[in-house]
PDB file of N, CA and C in Angstrom:
ATOM      1  N   MET A   1      13.449 -19.524  -2.911  1.00  0.00           N
ATOM      2  CA  MET A   1      13.771 -19.392  -2.067  1.00  0.00           C
ATOM      3  C   MET A   1      15.089 -20.662  -1.324  1.00  0.00           C
ATOM      4  N   ASN A   2      16.246 -19.725  -1.085  1.00  0.00           N
ATOM      5  CA  ASN A   2      17.032 -21.112  -0.389  1.00  0.00           C
ATOM      6  C   ASN A   2      16.900 -21.239   1.181  1.00  0.00           C
ATOM      7  N   LEU A   3      17.847 -22.466   1.000  1.00  0.00           N
ATOM      8  CA  LEU A   3      17.315 -22.491   3.009  1.00  0.00           C
ATOM      9  C   LEU A   3      17.322 -21.565   4.157  1.00  0.00           C
ATOM     10  N   MET A   4      18.032 -21.249   3.663  1.00  0.00           N
ATOM     11  CA  MET A   4      18.746 -20.241   4.479  1.00  0.00           C
ATOM     12  C   MET A   4      18.054 -18.458   4.568  1.00  0.00           C
ATOM     13  N   LYS A   5      17.344 -17.893   3.418  1.00  0.00           N
ATOM     14  CA  LYS A   5      16.380 -17.270   3.205  1.00  0.00           C
ATOM     15  C   LYS A   5      15.297 -18.094   4.401  1.00  0.00           C
ATOM     16  N   SER A   6      14.906 -18.762   3.735  1.00  0.00           N
ATOM     17  CA  SER A   6      13.740 -19.572   5.123  1.00  0.00           C
ATOM     18  C   SER A   6      13.927 -19.898   6.046  1.00  0.00           C
ATOM     19  N   ASN A   7      15.759 -20.025   6.322  1.00  0.00           N
ATOM     20  CA  ASN A   7      15.621 -20.093   7.852  1.00  0.00           C
ATOM     21  C   ASN A   7      15.364 -18.240   8.601  1.00  0.00           C
ATOM     22  N   ALA A   8      15.422 -17.567   8.064  1.00  0.00           N
ATOM     23  CA  ALA A   8      15.665 -16.348   8.482  1.00  0.00           C
ATOM     24  C   ALA A   8      14.680 -16.273   8.507  1.00  0.00           C
ATOM     25  N   GLU A   9      12.894 -16.205   7.810  1.00  0.00           N
ATOM     26  CA  GLU A   9      11.523 -16.403   7.424  1.00  0.00           C
ATOM     27  C   GLU A   9      10.769 -17.115   9.089  1.00  0.00           C
ATOM     28  N   LYS A  10      11.230 -18.263   8.616  1.00  0.00           N
ATOM     29  CA  LYS A  10      10.944 -18.820  10.302  1.00  0.00           C
ATOM     30  C   LYS A  10      11.188 -18.945  11.595  1.00  0.00           C
ATOM     31  N   LEU A  11      12.135 -17.416  11.896  1.00  0.00           N
ATOM     32  CA  LEU A  11      12.893 -16.952  12.385  1.00  0.00           C
ATOM     33  C   LEU A  11      12.292 -15.568  13.071  1.00  0.00           C
ATOM     34  N   TYR A  12      11.799 -15.480  12.103  1.00  0.00           N
ATOM     35  CA  TYR A  12      11.206 -13.808  12.220  1.00  0.00           C
ATOM     36  C   TYR A  12       9.744 -13.853  12.680  1.00  0.00           C
ATOM     37  N   ASN A  13       9.187 -15.113  12.301  1.00  0.00           N
ATOM     38  CA  ASN A  13       7.983 -15.823  12.683  1.00  0.00           C
ATOM     39  C   ASN A  13       7.825 -16.138  13.943  1.00  0.00           C
ATOM     40  N   LEU A  14       8.288 -16.827  14.444  1.00  0.00           N
ATOM     41  CA  LEU A  14       9.248 -17.515  15.531  1.00  0.00           C
ATOM     42  C   LEU A  14       9.146 -15.743  16.265  1.00  0.00           C
ATOM     43  N   ILE A  15      10.053 -15.525  16.533  1.00  0.00           N
ATOM     44  CA  ILE A  15      10.089 -13.969  17.023  1.00  0.00           C
ATOM     45  C   ILE A  15       9.036 -13.293  17.188  1.00  0.00           C
ATOM     46  N   SER A  16       8.460 -13.219  16.147  1.00  0.00           N
ATOM     47  CA  SER A  16       7.056 -12.660  16.225  1.00  0.00           C
ATOM     48  C   SER A  16       5.518 -12.743  17.170  1.00  0.00           C
ATOM     49  N   GLU A  17       5.461 -14.525  16.568  1.00  0.00           N
ATOM     50  CA  GLU A  17       4.379 -15.175  18.232  1.00  0.00           C
ATOM     51  C   GLU A  17       5.469 -14.268  19.562  1.00  0.00           C
ATOM     52  N   ASP A  18       6.528 -14.616  19.323  1.00  0.00           N
ATOM     53  CA  ASP A  18       6.732 -14.569  21.369  1.00  0.00           C
ATOM     54  C   ASP A  18       6.688 -13.244  22.165  1.00  0.00           C
ATOM     55  N   GLU A  19       5.786 -12.795  21.921  1.00  0.00           N
ATOM     56  CA  GLU A  19       5.388 -11.590  22.733  1.00  0.00           C
ATOM     57  C   GLU A  19       7.085 -10.529  23.721  1.00  0.00           C
ATOM     58  N   GLU A  20       7.032 -11.857  24.763  1.00  0.00           N
ATOM     59  CA  GLU A  20       7.897 -10.862  25.084  1.00  0.00           C
ATOM     60  C   GLU A  20       9.504 -11.354  24.495  1.00  0.00           C
ATOM     61  N   ARG A  21       9.834 -12.046  23.765  1.00  0.00           N
ATOM     62  CA  ARG A  21      11.161 -12.067  23.583  1.00  0.00           C
ATOM     63  C   ARG A  21      11.476 -10.357  22.338  1.00  0.00           C
ATOM     64  N   LYS A  22      10.404 -10.447  21.597  1.00  0.00           N
ATOM     65  CA  LYS A  22       9.832  -9.450  20.871  1.00  0.00           C
ATOM     66  C   LYS A  22       9.837  -7.518  21.068  1.00  0.00           C
ATOM     67  N   GLN A  23       9.440  -8.230  22.427  1.00  0.00           N
ATOM     68  CA  GLN A  23       9.836  -6.947  23.096  1.00  0.00           C
ATOM     69  C   GLN A  23      11.277  -6.640  23.673  1.00  0.00           C
ATOM     70  N   HIS A  24      11.853  -7.810  24.140  1.00  0.00           N
ATOM     71  CA  HIS A  24      12.883  -6.810  24.583  1.00  0.00           C
ATOM     72  C   HIS A  24      13.905  -6.614  23.163  1.00  0.00           C
ATOM     73  N   LEU A  25      13.826  -7.667  22.076  1.00  0.00           N
ATOM     74  CA  LEU A  25      14.394  -7.179  21.234  1.00  0.00           C
ATOM     75  C   LEU A  25      14.427  -6.029  20.327  1.00  0.00           C
ATOM     76  N   PHE A  26      12.713  -5.154  20.509  1.00  0.00           N
ATOM     77  CA  PHE A  26      12.496  -4.244  20.250  1.00  0.00           C
ATOM     78  C   PHE A  26      13.088  -3.052  21.276  1.00  0.00           C
ATOM     79  N   ARG A  27      12.897  -3.322  22.089  1.00  0.00           N
ATOM     80  CA  ARG A  27      14.350  -2.454  23.133  1.00  0.00           C
ATOM     81  C   ARG A  27      15.211  -2.226  22.806  1.00  0.00           C
ATOM     82  N   THR A  28      16.337  -3.821  22.606  1.00  0.00           N
ATOM     83  CA  THR A  28      17.665  -3.620  22.336  1.00  0.00           C
ATOM     84  C   THR A  28      17.685  -2.039  21.123  1.00  0.00           C
ATOM     85  N   ALA A  29      16.426  -2.823  20.279  1.00  0.00           N
ATOM     86  CA  ALA A  29      17.335  -2.094  18.745  1.00  0.00           C
ATOM     87  C   ALA A  29      17.142  -0.942  18.551  1.00  0.00           C
ATOM     88  N   LEU A  30      16.129  -0.313  19.712  1.00  0.00           N
ATOM     89  CA  LEU A  30      16.238   1.056  20.018  1.00  0.00           C
ATOM     90  C   LEU A  30      17.231   2.016  19.906  1.00  0.00           C
ATOM     91  N   THR A  31      18.018   1.123  20.735  1.00  0.00           N
ATOM     92  CA  THR A  31      19.414   1.710  21.864  1.00  0.00           C
ATOM     93  C   THR A  31      21.032   1.125  20.433  1.00  0.00           C
ATOM     94  N   ASN A  32      20.866   0.249  20.202  1.00  0.00           N
ATOM     95  CA  ASN A  32      22.290  -0.817  19.614  1.00  0.00           C
ATOM     96  C   ASN A  32      21.219  -1.900  18.715  1.00  0.00           C
ATOM     97  N   PRO A  33      20.519  -1.485  17.965  1.00  0.00           N
ATOM     98  CA  PRO A  33      20.570  -2.162  16.612  1.00  0.00           C
ATOM     99  C   PRO A  33      21.395  -3.606  16.095  1.00  0.00           C
ATOM    100  N   LYS A  34      23.162  -3.306  16.301  1.00  0.00           N
ATOM    101  CA  LYS A  34      24.132  -3.828  16.226  1.00  0.00           C
ATOM    102  C   LYS A  34      23.777  -5.420  16.655  1.00  0.00           C
ATOM    103  N   ALA A  35      23.472  -5.274  18.277  1.00  0.00           N
ATOM    104  CA  ALA A  35      23.396  -6.137  18.991  1.00  0.00           C
ATOM    105  C   ALA A  35      22.633  -6.323  19.307  1.00  0.00           C
ATOM    106  N   ALA A  36      20.797  -6.289  18.725  1.00  0.00           N
ATOM    107  CA  ALA A  36      19.889  -6.625  18.544  1.00  0.00           C
ATOM    108  C   ALA A  36      20.337  -7.680  17.527  1.00  0.00           C
ATOM    109  N   LEU A  37      20.835  -7.506  16.376  1.00  0.00           N
ATOM    110  CA  LEU A  37      21.115  -7.889  15.304  1.00  0.00           C
ATOM    111  C   LEU A  37      21.712  -9.276  15.971  1.00  0.00           C
ATOM    112  N   ASP A  38      22.764  -9.743  16.643  1.00  0.00           N
ATOM    113  CA  ASP A  38      23.684 -10.775  17.665  1.00  0.00           C
ATOM    114  C   ASP A  38      22.439 -10.995  17.720  1.00  0.00           C
ATOM    115  N   GLN A  39      21.485 -10.728  18.383  1.00  0.00           N
ATOM    116  CA  GLN A  39      20.952 -11.697  19.517  1.00  0.00           C
ATOM    117  C   GLN A  39      19.749 -12.222  18.286  1.00  0.00           C
ATOM    118  N   ILE A  40      19.605 -11.593  17.310  1.00  0.00           N
ATOM    119  CA  ILE A  40      18.311 -12.941  16.534  1.00  0.00           C
ATOM    120  C   ILE A  40      19.145 -13.825  15.955  1.00  0.00           C
ATOM    121  N   CYS A  41      20.375 -13.208  15.674  1.00  0.00           N
ATOM    122  CA  CYS A  41      21.178 -14.338  15.034  1.00  0.00           C
ATOM    123  C   CYS A  41      21.349 -15.985  15.883  1.00  0.00           C
ATOM    124  N   GLU A  42      21.576 -15.189  17.610  1.00  0.00           N
ATOM    125  CA  GLU A  42      21.574 -16.492  18.437  1.00  0.00           C
ATOM    126  C   GLU A  42      20.926 -16.982  18.423  1.00  0.00           C
ATOM    127  N   ILE A  43      19.851 -16.336  18.880  1.00  0.00           N
ATOM    128  CA  ILE A  43      18.429 -17.007  19.038  1.00  0.00           C
ATOM    129  C   ILE A  43      17.419 -18.787  17.799  1.00  0.00           C
ATOM    130  N   GLY A  44      18.343 -17.089  16.489  1.00  0.00           N
ATOM    131  CA  GLY A  44      18.632 -18.262  15.476  1.00  0.00           C
ATOM    132  C   GLY A  44      19.657 -20.224  15.976  1.00  0.00           C
ATOM    133  N   LYS A  45      20.487 -18.898  16.457  1.00  0.00           N
ATOM    134  CA  LYS A  45      21.527 -20.531  17.017  1.00  0.00           C
ATOM    135  C   LYS A  45      20.748 -21.593  18.003  1.00  0.00           C
ATOM    136  N   ASP A  46      20.017 -21.770  18.792  1.00  0.00           N
ATOM    137  CA  ASP A  46      19.324 -21.994  19.612  1.00  0.00           C
ATOM    138  C   ASP A  46      18.425 -23.255  19.400  1.00  0.00           C
ATOM    139  N   LEU A  47      17.356 -22.272  17.704  1.00  0.00           N
ATOM    140  CA  LEU A  47      16.330 -22.831  17.456  1.00  0.00           C
ATOM    141  C   LEU A  47      16.376 -23.811  16.769  1.00  0.00           C
ATOM    142  N   ASN A  48      18.341 -24.023  15.962  1.00  0.00           N
ATOM    143  CA  ASN A  48      18.658 -24.853  14.873  1.00  0.00           C
ATOM    144  C   ASN A  48      18.304 -24.571  13.337  1.00  0.00           C
ATOM    145  N   LEU A  49      18.121 -22.970  13.790  1.00  0.00           N
ATOM    146  CA  LEU A  49      17.262 -22.017  12.471  1.00  0.00           C
ATOM    147  C   LEU A  49      18.594 -20.815  12.665  1.00  0.00           C
ATOM    148  N   ASN A  50      20.122 -21.541  12.138  1.00  0.00           N
ATOM    149  CA  ASN A  50      20.779 -20.769  11.413  1.00  0.00           C
ATOM    150  C   ASN A  50      20.826 -19.517  10.418  1.00  0.00           C
ATOM    151  N   VAL A  51      20.831 -18.636  10.739  1.00  0.00           N
ATOM    152  CA  VAL A  51      21.716 -17.697   9.151  1.00  0.00           C
ATOM    153  C   VAL A  51      22.848 -16.792  10.267  1.00  0.00           C
ATOM    154  N   THR A  52      22.581 -15.967   8.781  1.00  0.00           N
ATOM    155  CA  THR A  52      23.651 -14.857   9.357  1.00  0.00           C
ATOM    156  C   THR A  52      23.195 -13.221   9.420  1.00  0.00           C
ATOM    157  N   LYS A  53      24.220 -12.787   9.735  1.00  0.00           N
ATOM    158  CA  LYS A  53      23.265 -11.554   9.753  1.00  0.00           C
ATOM    159  C   LYS A  53      23.086 -10.356   8.954  1.00  0.00           C
ATOM    160  N   GLN A  54      23.909 -10.941   7.801  1.00  0.00           N
ATOM    161  CA  GLN A  54      23.005 -10.238   6.466  1.00  0.00           C
ATOM    162  C   GLN A  54      21.859 -11.651   5.501  1.00  0.00           C
ATOM    163  N   GLU A  55      21.260 -12.550   5.931  1.00  0.00           N
ATOM    164  CA  GLU A  55      20.590 -13.094   5.356  1.00  0.00           C
ATOM    165  C   GLU A  55      19.082 -12.323   6.126  1.00  0.00           C
ATOM    166  N   VAL A  56      19.156 -12.378   7.891  1.00  0.00           N
ATOM    167  CA  VAL A  56      18.175 -11.081   8.215  1.00  0.00           C
ATOM    168  C   VAL A  56      18.104 -10.158   8.052  1.00  0.00           C
ATOM    169  N   ILE A  57      19.278  -8.940   7.540  1.00  0.00           N
ATOM    170  CA  ILE A  57      18.779  -7.603   6.490  1.00  0.00           C
ATOM    171  C   ILE A  57      18.020  -7.654   5.501  1.00  0.00           C
ATOM    172  N   ASP A  58      18.936  -9.174   5.212  1.00  0.00           N
ATOM    173  CA  ASP A  58      17.758  -9.480   3.696  1.00  0.00           C
ATOM    174  C   ASP A  58      16.067  -9.509   4.088  1.00  0.00           C
ATOM    175  N   TYR A  59      16.453 -10.814   4.506  1.00  0.00           N
ATOM    176  CA  TYR A  59      15.167 -11.469   4.973  1.00  0.00           C
ATOM    177  C   TYR A  59      13.835 -10.339   5.418  1.00  0.00           C
ATOM    178  N   LEU A  60      14.157  -8.850   6.378  1.00  0.00           N
ATOM    179  CA  LEU A  60      13.999  -8.109   7.234  1.00  0.00           C
ATOM    180  C   LEU A  60      13.618  -6.666   5.878  1.00  0.00           C
ATOM    181  N   SER A  61      14.527  -6.359   4.675  1.00  0.00           N
ATOM    182  CA  SER A  61      14.137  -5.354   3.449  1.00  0.00           C
ATOM    183  C   SER A  61      13.363  -5.919   2.251  1.00  0.00           C
ATOM    184  N   THR A  62      12.409  -7.156   2.676  1.00  0.00           N
ATOM    185  CA  THR A  62      11.293  -7.694   1.838  1.00  0.00           C
ATOM    186  C   THR A  62      10.015  -7.260   2.638  1.00  0.00           C
ATOM    187  N   LEU A  63      10.397  -6.988   3.973  1.00  0.00           N
ATOM    188  CA  LEU A  63       9.490  -6.659   4.371  1.00  0.00           C
ATOM    189  C   LEU A  63       9.209  -4.925   4.438  1.00  0.00           C
ATOM    190  N   ASP A  64       7.117  -4.870   4.327  1.00  0.00           N
ATOM    191  CA  ASP A  64       6.846  -3.836   4.073  1.00  0.00           C
ATOM    192  C   ASP A  64       6.275  -3.305   5.220  1.00  0.00           C
ATOM    193  N   ASP A  65       6.865  -2.402   5.816  1.00  0.00           N
ATOM    194  CA  ASP A  65       6.350  -2.185   7.882  1.00  0.00           C
ATOM    195  C   ASP A  65       7.813  -1.015   8.139  1.00  0.00           C
ATOM    196  N   LEU A  66       7.946  -0.003   8.063  1.00  0.00           N
ATOM    197  CA  LEU A  66       8.068   1.806   8.851  1.00  0.00           C
ATOM    198  C   LEU A  66       9.181   0.761   9.659  1.00  0.00           C
ATOM    199  N   PRO A  67       8.607   0.948  10.551  1.00  0.00           N
ATOM    200  CA  PRO A  67       9.654   0.232  12.335  1.00  0.00           C
ATOM    201  C   PRO A  67      10.971  -0.608  11.709  1.00  0.00           C
ATOM    202  N   THR A  68      10.453  -1.308  10.847  1.00  0.00           N
ATOM    203  CA  THR A  68      11.517  -2.574  10.511  1.00  0.00           C
ATOM    204  C   THR A  68      12.578  -1.958   9.430  1.00  0.00           C
ATOM    205  N   LYS A  69      11.387  -0.620   8.637  1.00  0.00           N
ATOM    206  CA  LYS A  69      12.880  -0.492   7.811  1.00  0.00           C
ATOM    207  C   LYS A  69      13.455   0.616   8.317  1.00  0.00           C
ATOM    208  N   LEU A  70      12.968   1.724   9.363  1.00  0.00           N
ATOM    209  CA  LEU A  70      13.610   2.422   9.830  1.00  0.00           C
ATOM    210  C   LEU A  70      15.061   1.956  10.880  1.00  0.00           C
ATOM    211  N   TRP A  71      14.707   0.832  11.359  1.00  0.00           N
ATOM    212  CA  TRP A  71      15.728  -0.201  11.477  1.00  0.00           C
ATOM    213  C   TRP A  71      17.081  -0.556  10.972  1.00  0.00           C
ATOM    214  N   LEU A  72      16.848  -1.175   9.870  1.00  0.00           N
ATOM    215  CA  LEU A  72      17.775  -2.027   8.889  1.00  0.00           C
ATOM    216  C   LEU A  72      18.331  -0.299   8.595  1.00  0.00           C
ATOM    217  N   ILE A  73      18.512   0.896   8.357  1.00  0.00           N
ATOM    218  CA  ILE A  73      18.351   2.025   8.553  1.00  0.00           C
ATOM    219  C   ILE A  73      20.038   2.376   9.730  1.00  0.00           C
ATOM    220  N   LYS A  74      18.921   2.396  11.014  1.00  0.00           N
ATOM    221  CA  LYS A  74      20.223   1.860  12.169  1.00  0.00           C
ATOM    222  C   LYS A  74      21.465   1.603  11.707  1.00  0.00           C
ATOM    223  N   VAL A  75      20.685  -0.505  11.247  1.00  0.00           N
ATOM    224  CA  VAL A  75      21.975  -1.266  11.118  1.00  0.00           C
ATOM    225  C   VAL A  75      22.201  -1.055  10.321  1.00  0.00           C
ATOM    226  N   ARG A  76      22.026   0.110   9.194  1.00  0.00           N
ATOM    227  CA  ARG A  76      23.227  -0.350   8.034  1.00  0.00           C
ATOM    228  C   ARG A  76      24.344   0.839   8.655  1.00  0.00           C
ATOM    229  N   GLY A  77      23.838   1.742  10.053  1.00  0.00           N
ATOM    230  CA  GLY A  77      24.889   2.480  10.369  1.00  0.00           C
ATOM    231  C   GLY A  77      24.498   4.246   9.701  1.00  0.00           C
ATOM    232  N   GLY A  78      22.991   4.262   9.491  1.00  0.00           N
ATOM    233  CA  GLY A  78      22.551   5.577   9.186  1.00  0.00           C
ATOM    234  C   GLY A  78      21.356   5.720  10.734  1.00  0.00           C
ATOM    235  N   LEU A  79      21.197   6.560  10.644  1.00  0.00           N
ATOM    236  CA  LEU A  79      19.999   7.825  11.143  1.00  0.00           C
ATOM    237  C   LEU A  79      21.221   8.363  12.334  1.00  0.00           C
TER     238      LEU A  79
END
């Protein structure tokens, strides 16, 4: 696993453990998935876990989670 993908995984885990942040991102993702993606990258920058949007998408694509998969479809311009 390359370093950036590792950062995406670490960032995902940190966000998952922070209920308030996770809920805020979820609400944002419902109405504006691309803004949620921007926020995820910004959180990574703040935590010194720099990731690109594509790295976040690539990592999330590996998860076996239906809500995440539906969100990814929206981010990519579907639904």
